[in-house]
Amino acid sequence: MATAVPAAAAGAKYKCVAEAHLDLGRPKATSSCKKSASGKKVSKHRVKLVCDVVRGRGTPHEVPRVLYGPWVKPGQKSTVMCGFSSFTRSWAVETKA
């Protein structure tokens, strides 16, 4: 048996943003979505964070590592953190229609 989607949820559009900052010395990224007339249809979103992890002590080098937050509904926040000895390379929001 199929259930109907409420009309308010079916036509809602959202604008999603991601932001990154340090939390106790560790890179942390958060994504959130708010209703917007100029946005797009979103059923779920998550944050994507790319960190450069420092490896090696004699000749240290950076290894990129991609981390994803959990898929959440608009109105909720998706959060992910890198480990210690990491630097933020980039962050973004991923969405599902």
C-alpha atoms as a PDB file:
ATOM      1  CA  MET A   1       0.000   0.000   0.000  1.00  0.00           C
ATOM      2  CA  ALA A   2       1.469   3.370  -1.014  1.00  0.00           C
ATOM      3  CA  THR A   3       1.216   6.363   1.263  1.00  0.00           C
ATOM      4  CA  ALA A   4       0.740   9.909   0.025  1.00  0.00           C
ATOM      5  CA  VAL A   5       3.407  12.544   0.606  1.00  0.00           C
ATOM      6  CA  PRO A   6       2.101  15.723   2.258  1.00  0.00           C
ATOM      7  CA  ALA A   7       1.776  18.599  -0.225  1.00  0.00           C
ATOM      8  CA  ALA A   8       3.995  20.900   1.870  1.00  0.00           C
ATOM      9  CA  ALA A   9       6.887  18.445   1.820  1.00  0.00           C
ATOM     10  CA  ALA A  10       6.514  17.567  -1.860  1.00  0.00           C
ATOM     11  CA  GLY A  11       6.835  21.161  -3.107  1.00  0.00           C
ATOM     12  CA  ALA A  12       9.404  22.421  -0.577  1.00  0.00           C
ATOM     13  CA  LYS A  13      12.698  23.776  -1.897  1.00  0.00           C
ATOM     14  CA  TYR A  14      15.858  24.189   0.135  1.00  0.00           C
ATOM     15  CA  LYS A  15      19.184  25.971  -0.037  1.00  0.00           C
ATOM     16  CA  CYS A  16      22.020  23.968   1.532  1.00  0.00           C
ATOM     17  CA  VAL A  17      25.333  25.244   2.864  1.00  0.00           C
ATOM     18  CA  ALA A  18      28.416  23.688   4.413  1.00  0.00           C
ATOM     19  CA  GLU A  19      30.860  25.284   6.818  1.00  0.00           C
ATOM     20  CA  ALA A  20      34.103  24.114   8.377  1.00  0.00           C
ATOM     21  CA  HIS A  21      36.005  25.124  11.484  1.00  0.00           C
ATOM     22  CA  LEU A  22      38.372  23.705  14.101  1.00  0.00           C
ATOM     23  CA  ASP A  23      36.978  21.897  17.141  1.00  0.00           C
ATOM     24  CA  LEU A  24      39.674  21.254  19.772  1.00  0.00           C
ATOM     25  CA  GLY A  25      42.309  21.318  17.021  1.00  0.00           C
ATOM     26  CA  ARG A  26      40.456  18.928  14.707  1.00  0.00           C
ATOM     27  CA  PRO A  27      38.820  19.958  11.411  1.00  0.00           C
ATOM     28  CA  LYS A  28      35.013  19.727  11.658  1.00  0.00           C
ATOM     29  CA  ALA A  29      32.423  20.342   8.917  1.00  0.00           C
ATOM     30  CA  THR A  30      28.667  20.783   9.191  1.00  0.00           C
ATOM     31  CA  SER A  31      25.963  21.020   6.532  1.00  0.00           C
ATOM     32  CA  SER A  32      22.433  22.355   6.907  1.00  0.00           C
ATOM     33  CA  CYS A  33      19.477  23.129   4.634  1.00  0.00           C
ATOM     34  CA  LYS A  34      16.898  25.902   4.997  1.00  0.00           C
ATOM     35  CA  LYS A  35      13.732  26.549   3.019  1.00  0.00           C
ATOM     36  CA  SER A  36      14.256  28.916   0.113  1.00  0.00           C
ATOM     37  CA  ALA A  37      12.112  29.865  -2.871  1.00  0.00           C
ATOM     38  CA  SER A  38      15.202  29.888  -5.102  1.00  0.00           C
ATOM     39  CA  GLY A  39      16.536  26.548  -3.868  1.00  0.00           C
ATOM     40  CA  LYS A  40      16.104  23.012  -5.170  1.00  0.00           C
ATOM     41  CA  LYS A  41      14.161  19.967  -4.021  1.00  0.00           C
ATOM     42  CA  VAL A  42      16.059  18.076  -1.321  1.00  0.00           C
ATOM     43  CA  SER A  43      14.958  14.983   0.581  1.00  0.00           C
ATOM     44  CA  LYS A  44      18.288  14.318   2.328  1.00  0.00           C
ATOM     45  CA  HIS A  45      21.704  15.938   2.617  1.00  0.00           C
ATOM     46  CA  ARG A  46      25.143  15.204   4.082  1.00  0.00           C
ATOM     47  CA  VAL A  47      28.481  16.942   4.451  1.00  0.00           C
ATOM     48  CA  LYS A  48      31.636  15.837   2.620  1.00  0.00           C
ATOM     49  CA  LEU A  49      34.992  16.735   4.205  1.00  0.00           C
ATOM     50  CA  VAL A  50      38.390  16.146   2.586  1.00  0.00           C
ATOM     51  CA  CYS A  51      41.308  16.184   5.026  1.00  0.00           C
ATOM     52  CA  ASP A  52      45.050  15.990   4.496  1.00  0.00           C
ATOM     53  CA  VAL A  53      46.291  13.501   7.091  1.00  0.00           C
ATOM     54  CA  VAL A  54      49.968  13.847   8.037  1.00  0.00           C
ATOM     55  CA  ARG A  55      51.796  10.490   7.813  1.00  0.00           C
ATOM     56  CA  GLY A  56      55.366   9.674   8.777  1.00  0.00           C
ATOM     57  CA  ARG A  57      57.690  11.346  11.246  1.00  0.00           C
ATOM     58  CA  GLY A  58      61.068  11.357   9.444  1.00  0.00           C
ATOM     59  CA  THR A  59      59.785  12.628   6.125  1.00  0.00           C
ATOM     60  CA  PRO A  60      56.164  13.635   6.777  1.00  0.00           C
ATOM     61  CA  HIS A  61      53.741  13.712   3.866  1.00  0.00           C
ATOM     62  CA  GLU A  62      50.024  14.398   3.503  1.00  0.00           C
ATOM     63  CA  VAL A  63      47.515  11.771   2.430  1.00  0.00           C
ATOM     64  CA  PRO A  64      44.032  13.002   1.405  1.00  0.00           C
ATOM     65  CA  ARG A  65      41.131  11.313   3.185  1.00  0.00           C
ATOM     66  CA  VAL A  66      37.461  11.795   2.297  1.00  0.00           C
ATOM     67  CA  LEU A  67      34.911  11.623   5.120  1.00  0.00           C
ATOM     68  CA  TYR A  68      31.121  11.802   4.895  1.00  0.00           C
ATOM     69  CA  GLY A  69      28.557  12.768   7.504  1.00  0.00           C
ATOM     70  CA  PRO A  70      25.307  10.842   7.892  1.00  0.00           C
ATOM     71  CA  TRP A  71      22.386  11.425   5.495  1.00  0.00           C
ATOM     72  CA  VAL A  72      19.831  13.591   7.315  1.00  0.00           C
ATOM     73  CA  LYS A  73      16.569  15.370   6.467  1.00  0.00           C
ATOM     74  CA  PRO A  74      16.440  19.122   5.764  1.00  0.00           C
ATOM     75  CA  GLY A  75      16.242  21.045   9.025  1.00  0.00           C
ATOM     76  CA  GLN A  76      18.799  18.736  10.667  1.00  0.00           C
ATOM     77  CA  LYS A  77      22.592  19.090  10.625  1.00  0.00           C
ATOM     78  CA  SER A  78      25.071  16.567   9.246  1.00  0.00           C
ATOM     79  CA  THR A  79      28.474  16.695  10.970  1.00  0.00           C
ATOM     80  CA  VAL A  80      31.819  14.937  10.483  1.00  0.00           C
ATOM     81  CA  MET A  81      35.297  15.437  11.979  1.00  0.00           C
ATOM     82  CA  CYS A  82      38.828  14.581  10.875  1.00  0.00           C
ATOM     83  CA  GLY A  83      41.360  13.107  13.231  1.00  0.00           C
ATOM     84  CA  PHE A  84      44.255  14.871  14.895  1.00  0.00           C
ATOM     85  CA  SER A  85      47.299  15.735  12.728  1.00  0.00           C
ATOM     86  CA  SER A  86      44.914  16.674   9.896  1.00  0.00           C
ATOM     87  CA  PHE A  87      44.408  19.759   7.780  1.00  0.00           C
ATOM     88  CA  THR A  88      41.236  20.786   5.950  1.00  0.00           C
ATOM     89  CA  ARG A  89      41.504  20.551   2.156  1.00  0.00           C
ATOM     90  CA  SER A  90      37.862  21.095   1.130  1.00  0.00           C
ATOM     91  CA  TRP A  91      34.238  20.632   2.182  1.00  0.00           C
ATOM     92  CA  ALA A  92      30.896  20.500   0.383  1.00  0.00           C
ATOM     93  CA  VAL A  93      27.225  19.492   0.659  1.00  0.00           C
ATOM     94  CA  GLU A  94      25.817  16.441  -1.134  1.00  0.00           C
ATOM     95  CA  THR A  95      22.047  16.202  -1.660  1.00  0.00           C
ATOM     96  CA  LYS A  96      19.420  13.692  -2.751  1.00  0.00           C
ATOM     97  CA  ALA A  97      16.265  14.884  -4.482  1.00  0.00           C
END
